[in-house]
Amino acid sequence: MEERVVDEHAAPIERAPIDPSAYSLSGTQDTPQETFEETEDLVSWDGGSSDFTMDDQEEPPLSRIDPDDLDLPEPEDLSNIDS
């Protein structure tokens, strides 16, 4: 994996104080207006090899599979094992 570079001069984000009444269960409260800083300092990451594509073949639900059609191993007889 590639290591990402962290800016040594990055300042911590100053957060506005939270108003507890904004999260009240009362229906009379207005929702708080949030603002977000937009940044153009985006980094494009290369070199990833993850593939999240889904197969087009759909499998039938387990409730509709006939047990006789399954290729299952033979069960073992454990009743004769000494303890």
N, C-alpha and C. Protein backbone atom coordinates (compact mmCIF):
# COMPACT_ATOMS: atom_id res chain seq x y z
N MET A 1 0.84 -1.18 0.00
CA MET A 1 0.00 0.00 0.00
C MET A 1 0.88 1.24 0.00
N GLU A 2 0.38 2.25 -0.62
CA GLU A 2 1.12 3.50 -0.66
C GLU A 2 0.84 4.31 0.60
N GLU A 3 1.87 4.93 1.11
CA GLU A 3 1.71 5.81 2.26
C GLU A 3 1.25 7.17 1.77
N ARG A 4 0.34 7.79 2.48
CA ARG A 4 -0.07 9.13 2.09
C ARG A 4 0.72 10.16 2.87
N VAL A 5 0.92 11.30 2.27
CA VAL A 5 1.72 12.36 2.87
C VAL A 5 0.81 13.26 3.69
N VAL A 6 1.18 13.51 4.93
CA VAL A 6 0.40 14.38 5.80
C VAL A 6 1.12 15.72 5.89
N ASP A 7 0.37 16.79 5.65
CA ASP A 7 0.94 18.12 5.73
C ASP A 7 1.31 18.43 7.18
N GLU A 8 2.59 18.76 7.41
CA GLU A 8 3.05 19.03 8.77
C GLU A 8 2.47 20.32 9.33
N HIS A 9 2.04 21.21 8.46
CA HIS A 9 1.54 22.51 8.91
C HIS A 9 0.02 22.56 8.93
N ALA A 10 -0.61 21.42 8.86
CA ALA A 10 -2.08 21.39 8.87
C ALA A 10 -2.59 21.78 10.25
N ALA A 11 -3.51 22.71 10.27
CA ALA A 11 -4.08 23.18 11.54
C ALA A 11 -5.32 22.35 11.85
N PRO A 12 -5.55 22.07 13.13
CA PRO A 12 -6.78 21.34 13.48
C PRO A 12 -8.01 22.18 13.14
N ILE A 13 -9.07 21.51 12.79
CA ILE A 13 -10.31 22.20 12.42
C ILE A 13 -10.99 22.71 13.68
N GLU A 14 -11.31 24.00 13.66
CA GLU A 14 -12.03 24.58 14.80
C GLU A 14 -13.52 24.34 14.59
N ARG A 15 -14.14 23.74 15.56
CA ARG A 15 -15.56 23.40 15.45
C ARG A 15 -16.39 24.40 16.27
N ALA A 16 -17.57 24.71 15.73
CA ALA A 16 -18.47 25.61 16.44
C ALA A 16 -19.08 24.86 17.62
N PRO A 17 -19.37 25.57 18.71
CA PRO A 17 -20.00 24.91 19.85
C PRO A 17 -21.37 24.35 19.45
N ILE A 18 -21.71 23.22 20.02
CA ILE A 18 -22.98 22.56 19.71
C ILE A 18 -24.07 23.08 20.63
N ASP A 19 -25.20 23.43 20.03
CA ASP A 19 -26.35 23.89 20.81
C ASP A 19 -27.20 22.67 21.14
N PRO A 20 -27.25 22.25 22.41
CA PRO A 20 -28.01 21.04 22.77
C PRO A 20 -29.49 21.13 22.44
N SER A 21 -30.05 22.33 22.39
CA SER A 21 -31.47 22.45 22.09
C SER A 21 -31.78 22.09 20.64
N ALA A 22 -30.77 22.09 19.78
CA ALA A 22 -30.98 21.74 18.38
C ALA A 22 -31.30 20.26 18.23
N TYR A 23 -30.96 19.47 19.23
CA TYR A 23 -31.19 18.04 19.17
C TYR A 23 -32.30 17.62 20.12
N SER A 24 -33.16 18.55 20.47
CA SER A 24 -34.28 18.27 21.36
C SER A 24 -35.32 17.44 20.62
N LEU A 25 -36.09 16.67 21.38
CA LEU A 25 -37.17 15.88 20.79
C LEU A 25 -38.42 16.71 20.54
N SER A 26 -38.38 17.95 20.91
CA SER A 26 -39.52 18.84 20.73
C SER A 26 -39.70 19.14 19.24
N GLY A 27 -40.94 19.15 18.79
CA GLY A 27 -41.23 19.46 17.40
C GLY A 27 -41.19 20.94 17.10
N THR A 28 -41.02 21.77 18.12
CA THR A 28 -41.01 23.22 17.90
C THR A 28 -39.63 23.74 17.53
N GLN A 29 -38.61 22.92 17.62
CA GLN A 29 -37.25 23.36 17.31
C GLN A 29 -37.01 23.33 15.80
N ASP A 30 -36.33 24.35 15.30
CA ASP A 30 -35.92 24.36 13.91
C ASP A 30 -34.65 23.52 13.77
N THR A 31 -34.46 22.96 12.58
CA THR A 31 -33.23 22.20 12.36
C THR A 31 -32.07 23.18 12.22
N PRO A 32 -30.91 22.84 12.76
CA PRO A 32 -29.77 23.75 12.67
C PRO A 32 -29.26 23.86 11.23
N GLN A 33 -28.82 25.05 10.88
CA GLN A 33 -28.24 25.27 9.56
C GLN A 33 -26.74 24.99 9.65
N GLU A 34 -26.27 24.05 8.84
CA GLU A 34 -24.87 23.70 8.88
C GLU A 34 -24.17 24.25 7.64
N THR A 35 -22.94 24.65 7.82
CA THR A 35 -22.12 25.09 6.70
C THR A 35 -20.85 24.27 6.68
N PHE A 36 -20.37 23.99 5.50
CA PHE A 36 -19.17 23.19 5.34
C PHE A 36 -18.16 23.94 4.48
N GLU A 37 -16.91 23.82 4.86
CA GLU A 37 -15.86 24.42 4.05
C GLU A 37 -15.61 23.54 2.85
N GLU A 38 -15.47 24.17 1.69
CA GLU A 38 -15.12 23.40 0.51
C GLU A 38 -13.63 23.55 0.27
N THR A 39 -13.03 22.48 -0.16
CA THR A 39 -11.60 22.52 -0.40
C THR A 39 -11.29 21.99 -1.79
N GLU A 40 -10.27 22.52 -2.37
CA GLU A 40 -9.82 22.05 -3.68
C GLU A 40 -8.59 21.17 -3.53
N ASP A 41 -8.15 20.92 -2.28
CA ASP A 41 -6.95 20.13 -2.04
C ASP A 41 -7.30 18.65 -2.05
N LEU A 42 -7.69 18.14 -3.20
CA LEU A 42 -8.04 16.74 -3.32
C LEU A 42 -6.87 15.97 -3.89
N VAL A 43 -6.71 14.75 -3.42
CA VAL A 43 -5.62 13.90 -3.88
C VAL A 43 -6.22 12.72 -4.63
N SER A 44 -5.71 12.43 -5.80
CA SER A 44 -6.16 11.28 -6.56
C SER A 44 -5.27 10.11 -6.20
N TRP A 45 -5.86 9.03 -5.69
CA TRP A 45 -5.10 7.86 -5.27
C TRP A 45 -5.07 6.85 -6.41
N ASP A 46 -3.88 6.36 -6.71
CA ASP A 46 -3.71 5.37 -7.77
C ASP A 46 -3.15 4.09 -7.17
N GLY A 47 -3.25 3.02 -7.91
CA GLY A 47 -2.62 1.77 -7.49
C GLY A 47 -3.54 0.80 -6.79
N GLY A 48 -4.81 1.13 -6.62
CA GLY A 48 -5.73 0.22 -5.95
C GLY A 48 -6.14 -0.92 -6.87
N SER A 49 -6.41 -2.07 -6.31
CA SER A 49 -6.81 -3.20 -7.13
C SER A 49 -8.10 -3.84 -6.62
N SER A 50 -8.90 -3.13 -5.87
CA SER A 50 -10.16 -3.68 -5.35
C SER A 50 -11.21 -3.70 -6.45
N ASP A 51 -11.91 -4.80 -6.54
CA ASP A 51 -12.97 -4.95 -7.53
C ASP A 51 -14.27 -5.23 -6.78
N PHE A 52 -15.18 -4.29 -6.80
CA PHE A 52 -16.44 -4.42 -6.07
C PHE A 52 -17.61 -4.72 -7.00
N THR A 53 -17.34 -5.21 -8.19
CA THR A 53 -18.43 -5.51 -9.11
C THR A 53 -19.19 -6.74 -8.63
N MET A 54 -20.47 -6.75 -8.92
CA MET A 54 -21.33 -7.85 -8.52
C MET A 54 -21.52 -8.77 -9.72
N ASP A 55 -21.63 -10.06 -9.45
CA ASP A 55 -21.89 -11.02 -10.52
C ASP A 55 -23.31 -10.83 -11.04
N ASP A 56 -23.47 -11.01 -12.35
CA ASP A 56 -24.79 -10.89 -12.95
C ASP A 56 -25.66 -12.11 -12.67
N GLN A 57 -25.03 -13.23 -12.33
CA GLN A 57 -25.77 -14.46 -12.07
C GLN A 57 -26.42 -14.39 -10.69
N GLU A 58 -27.71 -14.56 -10.65
CA GLU A 58 -28.43 -14.53 -9.38
C GLU A 58 -28.64 -15.95 -8.89
N GLU A 59 -28.38 -16.18 -7.62
CA GLU A 59 -28.60 -17.49 -7.03
C GLU A 59 -30.01 -17.55 -6.46
N PRO A 60 -30.67 -18.70 -6.57
CA PRO A 60 -32.02 -18.80 -6.02
C PRO A 60 -31.98 -18.75 -4.50
N PRO A 61 -33.04 -18.28 -3.87
CA PRO A 61 -33.08 -18.26 -2.41
C PRO A 61 -32.97 -19.67 -1.85
N LEU A 62 -32.38 -19.81 -0.68
CA LEU A 62 -32.17 -21.12 -0.08
C LEU A 62 -33.48 -21.85 0.17
N SER A 63 -34.56 -21.13 0.36
CA SER A 63 -35.84 -21.78 0.62
C SER A 63 -36.38 -22.48 -0.62
N ARG A 64 -35.82 -22.18 -1.80
CA ARG A 64 -36.32 -22.79 -3.03
C ARG A 64 -35.34 -23.79 -3.64
N ILE A 65 -34.31 -24.16 -2.90
CA ILE A 65 -33.35 -25.15 -3.39
C ILE A 65 -33.79 -26.52 -2.91
N ASP A 66 -33.83 -27.47 -3.83
CA ASP A 66 -34.18 -28.84 -3.48
C ASP A 66 -32.96 -29.50 -2.84
N PRO A 67 -33.08 -30.02 -1.62
CA PRO A 67 -31.92 -30.62 -0.94
C PRO A 67 -31.32 -31.78 -1.72
N ASP A 68 -32.11 -32.46 -2.55
CA ASP A 68 -31.58 -33.56 -3.35
C ASP A 68 -30.64 -33.08 -4.45
N ASP A 69 -30.73 -31.80 -4.81
CA ASP A 69 -29.87 -31.25 -5.85
C ASP A 69 -28.51 -30.80 -5.31
N LEU A 70 -28.36 -30.75 -4.00
CA LEU A 70 -27.11 -30.29 -3.40
C LEU A 70 -26.08 -31.41 -3.36
N ASP A 71 -24.82 -31.06 -3.55
CA ASP A 71 -23.72 -32.01 -3.47
C ASP A 71 -23.12 -31.91 -2.07
N LEU A 72 -23.66 -32.71 -1.14
CA LEU A 72 -23.24 -32.66 0.26
C LEU A 72 -22.39 -33.87 0.60
N PRO A 73 -21.41 -33.73 1.51
CA PRO A 73 -20.61 -34.88 1.93
C PRO A 73 -21.46 -35.83 2.77
N GLU A 74 -21.03 -37.08 2.82
CA GLU A 74 -21.73 -38.07 3.63
C GLU A 74 -21.51 -37.76 5.11
N PRO A 75 -22.53 -37.93 5.96
CA PRO A 75 -22.36 -37.65 7.40
C PRO A 75 -21.48 -38.72 8.06
N GLU A 76 -20.79 -38.31 9.11
CA GLU A 76 -19.96 -39.23 9.87
C GLU A 76 -20.77 -39.83 11.02
N ASP A 77 -20.51 -41.09 11.35
CA ASP A 77 -21.15 -41.74 12.48
C ASP A 77 -20.25 -41.57 13.69
N LEU A 78 -20.65 -40.72 14.62
CA LEU A 78 -19.85 -40.43 15.80
C LEU A 78 -20.35 -41.16 17.04
N SER A 79 -21.30 -42.06 16.87
CA SER A 79 -21.89 -42.73 18.03
C SER A 79 -20.96 -43.79 18.63
N ASN A 80 -19.97 -44.27 17.90
CA ASN A 80 -19.08 -45.32 18.40
C ASN A 80 -17.77 -44.77 18.96
N ILE A 81 -17.66 -43.48 19.14
CA ILE A 81 -16.42 -42.88 19.64
C ILE A 81 -16.38 -43.01 21.15
N ASP A 82 -15.26 -43.55 21.67
CA ASP A 82 -15.08 -43.67 23.12
C ASP A 82 -14.74 -42.30 23.70
N SER A 83 -15.27 -42.02 24.86
CA SER A 83 -15.00 -40.72 25.47
C SER A 83 -13.79 -40.72 26.33
